[in-house]
C-alpha atoms as a PDB file:
ATOM      1  CA  MET A   1       5.767   4.199   9.879  1.00  0.00           C
ATOM      2  CA  LEU A   2       3.601   5.705   7.171  1.00  0.00           C
ATOM      3  CA  THR A   3       0.118   7.207   7.199  1.00  0.00           C
ATOM      4  CA  TYR A   4      -2.339   7.708   4.358  1.00  0.00           C
ATOM      5  CA  THR A   5      -5.838   9.249   4.436  1.00  0.00           C
ATOM      6  CA  ILE A   6      -8.727   9.389   2.006  1.00  0.00           C
ATOM      7  CA  ASP A   7     -11.271  12.052   2.941  1.00  0.00           C
ATOM      8  CA  ILE A   8     -14.521  13.135   1.267  1.00  0.00           C
ATOM      9  CA  SER A   9     -13.615  16.795   1.837  1.00  0.00           C
ATOM     10  CA  THR A  10     -11.684  16.642  -1.442  1.00  0.00           C
ATOM     11  CA  PRO A  11     -13.410  15.972  -4.798  1.00  0.00           C
ATOM     12  CA  GLU A  12     -11.021  13.065  -5.458  1.00  0.00           C
ATOM     13  CA  GLY A  13     -11.633  11.540  -2.022  1.00  0.00           C
ATOM     14  CA  LYS A  14     -15.385  11.975  -2.362  1.00  0.00           C
ATOM     15  CA  GLN A  15     -15.334  10.098  -5.683  1.00  0.00           C
ATOM     16  CA  LYS A  16     -13.086   7.310  -4.323  1.00  0.00           C
ATOM     17  CA  LEU A  17     -15.206   6.638  -1.226  1.00  0.00           C
ATOM     18  CA  TYR A  18     -18.570   6.866  -2.997  1.00  0.00           C
ATOM     19  CA  LYS A  19     -20.708   3.831  -2.052  1.00  0.00           C
ATOM     20  CA  LEU A  20     -17.772   1.804  -0.674  1.00  0.00           C
ATOM     21  CA  THR A  21     -18.200  -0.580   2.232  1.00  0.00           C
ATOM     22  CA  LEU A  22     -15.765  -0.325   5.127  1.00  0.00           C
ATOM     23  CA  ALA A  23     -13.839  -3.393   3.887  1.00  0.00           C
ATOM     24  CA  GLU A  24     -13.583  -1.925   0.370  1.00  0.00           C
ATOM     25  CA  ALA A  25     -12.412   1.433   1.742  1.00  0.00           C
ATOM     26  CA  GLN A  26      -9.755  -0.308   3.845  1.00  0.00           C
ATOM     27  CA  ARG A  27      -8.442  -2.212   0.813  1.00  0.00           C
ATOM     28  CA  LEU A  28      -8.418   0.983  -1.251  1.00  0.00           C
ATOM     29  CA  ALA A  29      -6.548   2.969   1.421  1.00  0.00           C
ATOM     30  CA  GLU A  30      -3.986   0.185   1.850  1.00  0.00           C
ATOM     31  CA  THR A  31      -3.438  -0.145  -1.913  1.00  0.00           C
ATOM     32  CA  GLU A  32      -3.063   3.590  -2.449  1.00  0.00           C
ATOM     33  CA  ALA A  33      -0.702   3.938   0.528  1.00  0.00           C
ATOM     34  CA  SER A  34       1.488   1.173  -0.918  1.00  0.00           C
ATOM     35  CA  ARG A  35       1.606   2.956  -4.269  1.00  0.00           C
ATOM     36  CA  LYS A  36       2.304   6.363  -2.770  1.00  0.00           C
ATOM     37  CA  TYR A  37       5.150   5.117  -0.576  1.00  0.00           C
ATOM     38  CA  ASN A  38       6.493   2.684  -3.213  1.00  0.00           C
ATOM     39  CA  CYS A  39       6.224  -0.482  -1.140  1.00  0.00           C
ATOM     40  CA  ASP A  40       4.767  -3.901  -1.885  1.00  0.00           C
ATOM     41  CA  ARG A  41       2.470  -4.010   1.122  1.00  0.00           C
ATOM     42  CA  LEU A  42       1.902  -2.595   4.618  1.00  0.00           C
ATOM     43  CA  ILE A  43       3.040  -4.546   7.650  1.00  0.00           C
ATOM     44  CA  ASP A  44       0.518  -4.480  10.524  1.00  0.00           C
ATOM     45  CA  PRO A  45      -1.861  -1.982   8.901  1.00  0.00           C
ATOM     46  CA  ARG A  46      -4.193  -0.176  11.305  1.00  0.00           C
ATOM     47  CA  PHE A  47      -7.287   1.665  10.193  1.00  0.00           C
ATOM     48  CA  ASP A  48      -9.128   4.631  11.644  1.00  0.00           C
ATOM     49  CA  TYR A  49     -12.373   5.742  10.044  1.00  0.00           C
ATOM     50  CA  LEU A  50     -15.262   8.133  10.391  1.00  0.00           C
ATOM     51  CA  LYS A  51     -18.755   7.095   9.287  1.00  0.00           C
ATOM     52  CA  LYS A  52     -22.118   8.802   9.089  1.00  0.00           C
ATOM     53  CA  GLY A  53     -24.761   6.116   8.797  1.00  0.00           C
ATOM     54  CA  LYS A  54     -23.448   3.695   6.187  1.00  0.00           C
ATOM     55  CA  ARG A  55     -21.385   6.363   4.434  1.00  0.00           C
ATOM     56  CA  ILE A  56     -17.632   6.511   5.022  1.00  0.00           C
ATOM     57  CA  LEU A  57     -16.437  10.090   5.399  1.00  0.00           C
ATOM     58  CA  ARG A  58     -12.752   9.439   6.053  1.00  0.00           C
ATOM     59  CA  ILE A  59     -10.408   6.476   6.301  1.00  0.00           C
ATOM     60  CA  THR A  60      -6.803   6.519   7.462  1.00  0.00           C
ATOM     61  CA  VAL A  61      -4.346   3.639   7.349  1.00  0.00           C
ATOM     62  CA  ASP A  62      -0.976   3.477   9.033  1.00  0.00           C
ATOM     63  CA  GLY A  63       1.635   0.763   9.061  1.00  0.00           C
ATOM     64  CA  ARG A  64       5.212  -0.081   8.193  1.00  0.00           C
ATOM     65  CA  PRO A  65       6.244  -0.318   4.528  1.00  0.00           C
ATOM     66  CA  GLY A  66       7.222  -3.826   3.417  1.00  0.00           C
ATOM     67  CA  ASN A  67       8.967  -5.051   0.275  1.00  0.00           C
ATOM     68  CA  TYR A  68       9.417  -8.540  -1.085  1.00  0.00           C
ATOM     69  CA  LYS A  69      12.948  -9.634  -1.860  1.00  0.00           C
ATOM     70  CA  THR A  70      13.866 -12.370  -4.274  1.00  0.00           C
ATOM     71  CA  ARG A  71      17.170 -14.040  -4.985  1.00  0.00           C
ATOM     72  CA  ASP A  72      18.164 -14.365  -8.615  1.00  0.00           C
ATOM     73  CA  ASN A  73      21.201 -16.234  -9.841  1.00  0.00           C
ATOM     74  CA  GLN A  74      23.006 -14.242 -12.485  1.00  0.00           C
ATOM     75  CA  TYR A  75      25.783 -15.452 -14.722  1.00  0.00           C
ATOM     76  CA  ASP A  76      28.981 -13.353 -14.758  1.00  0.00           C
ATOM     77  CA  SER A  77      30.347 -13.621 -18.296  1.00  0.00           C
ATOM     78  CA  ARG A  78      33.861 -12.475 -17.258  1.00  0.00           C
ATOM     79  CA  THR A  79      34.446 -15.153 -14.617  1.00  0.00           C
ATOM     80  CA  ARG A  80      31.981 -17.692 -16.079  1.00  0.00           C
ATOM     81  CA  GLN A  81      30.521 -18.214 -12.593  1.00  0.00           C
ATOM     82  CA  GLU A  82      27.097 -17.729 -11.101  1.00  0.00           C
ATOM     83  CA  ILE A  83      26.775 -14.792  -8.764  1.00  0.00           C
ATOM     84  CA  ASP A  84      23.983 -14.166  -6.254  1.00  0.00           C
ATOM     85  CA  ILE A  85      22.175 -10.868  -6.532  1.00  0.00           C
ATOM     86  CA  ASN A  86      19.440  -9.648  -4.207  1.00  0.00           C
ATOM     87  CA  VAL A  87      16.813  -7.951  -6.306  1.00  0.00           C
ATOM     88  CA  ARG A  88      14.424  -5.520  -4.677  1.00  0.00           C
ATOM     89  CA  HIS A  89      11.069  -5.331  -6.453  1.00  0.00           C
END
């Protein structure tokens, strides 16, 4: 489980949340959490937020990190056979 918060108490957080709607703030928090924790997406993200009027003061997202896996066929030049490799992106 991971948790990530954007808060207007920091200059960076104040700039990021400036004039964002709740939906935009949720997308931003989810994207930044994925980048920070080096995952492709969050599984079952949950959001907690604090608003004053229309202004979002703080947004927190938590969820499980998820990564996509692909299967690539690679050619082994020594045995001249295809080998299966799981590649984690």
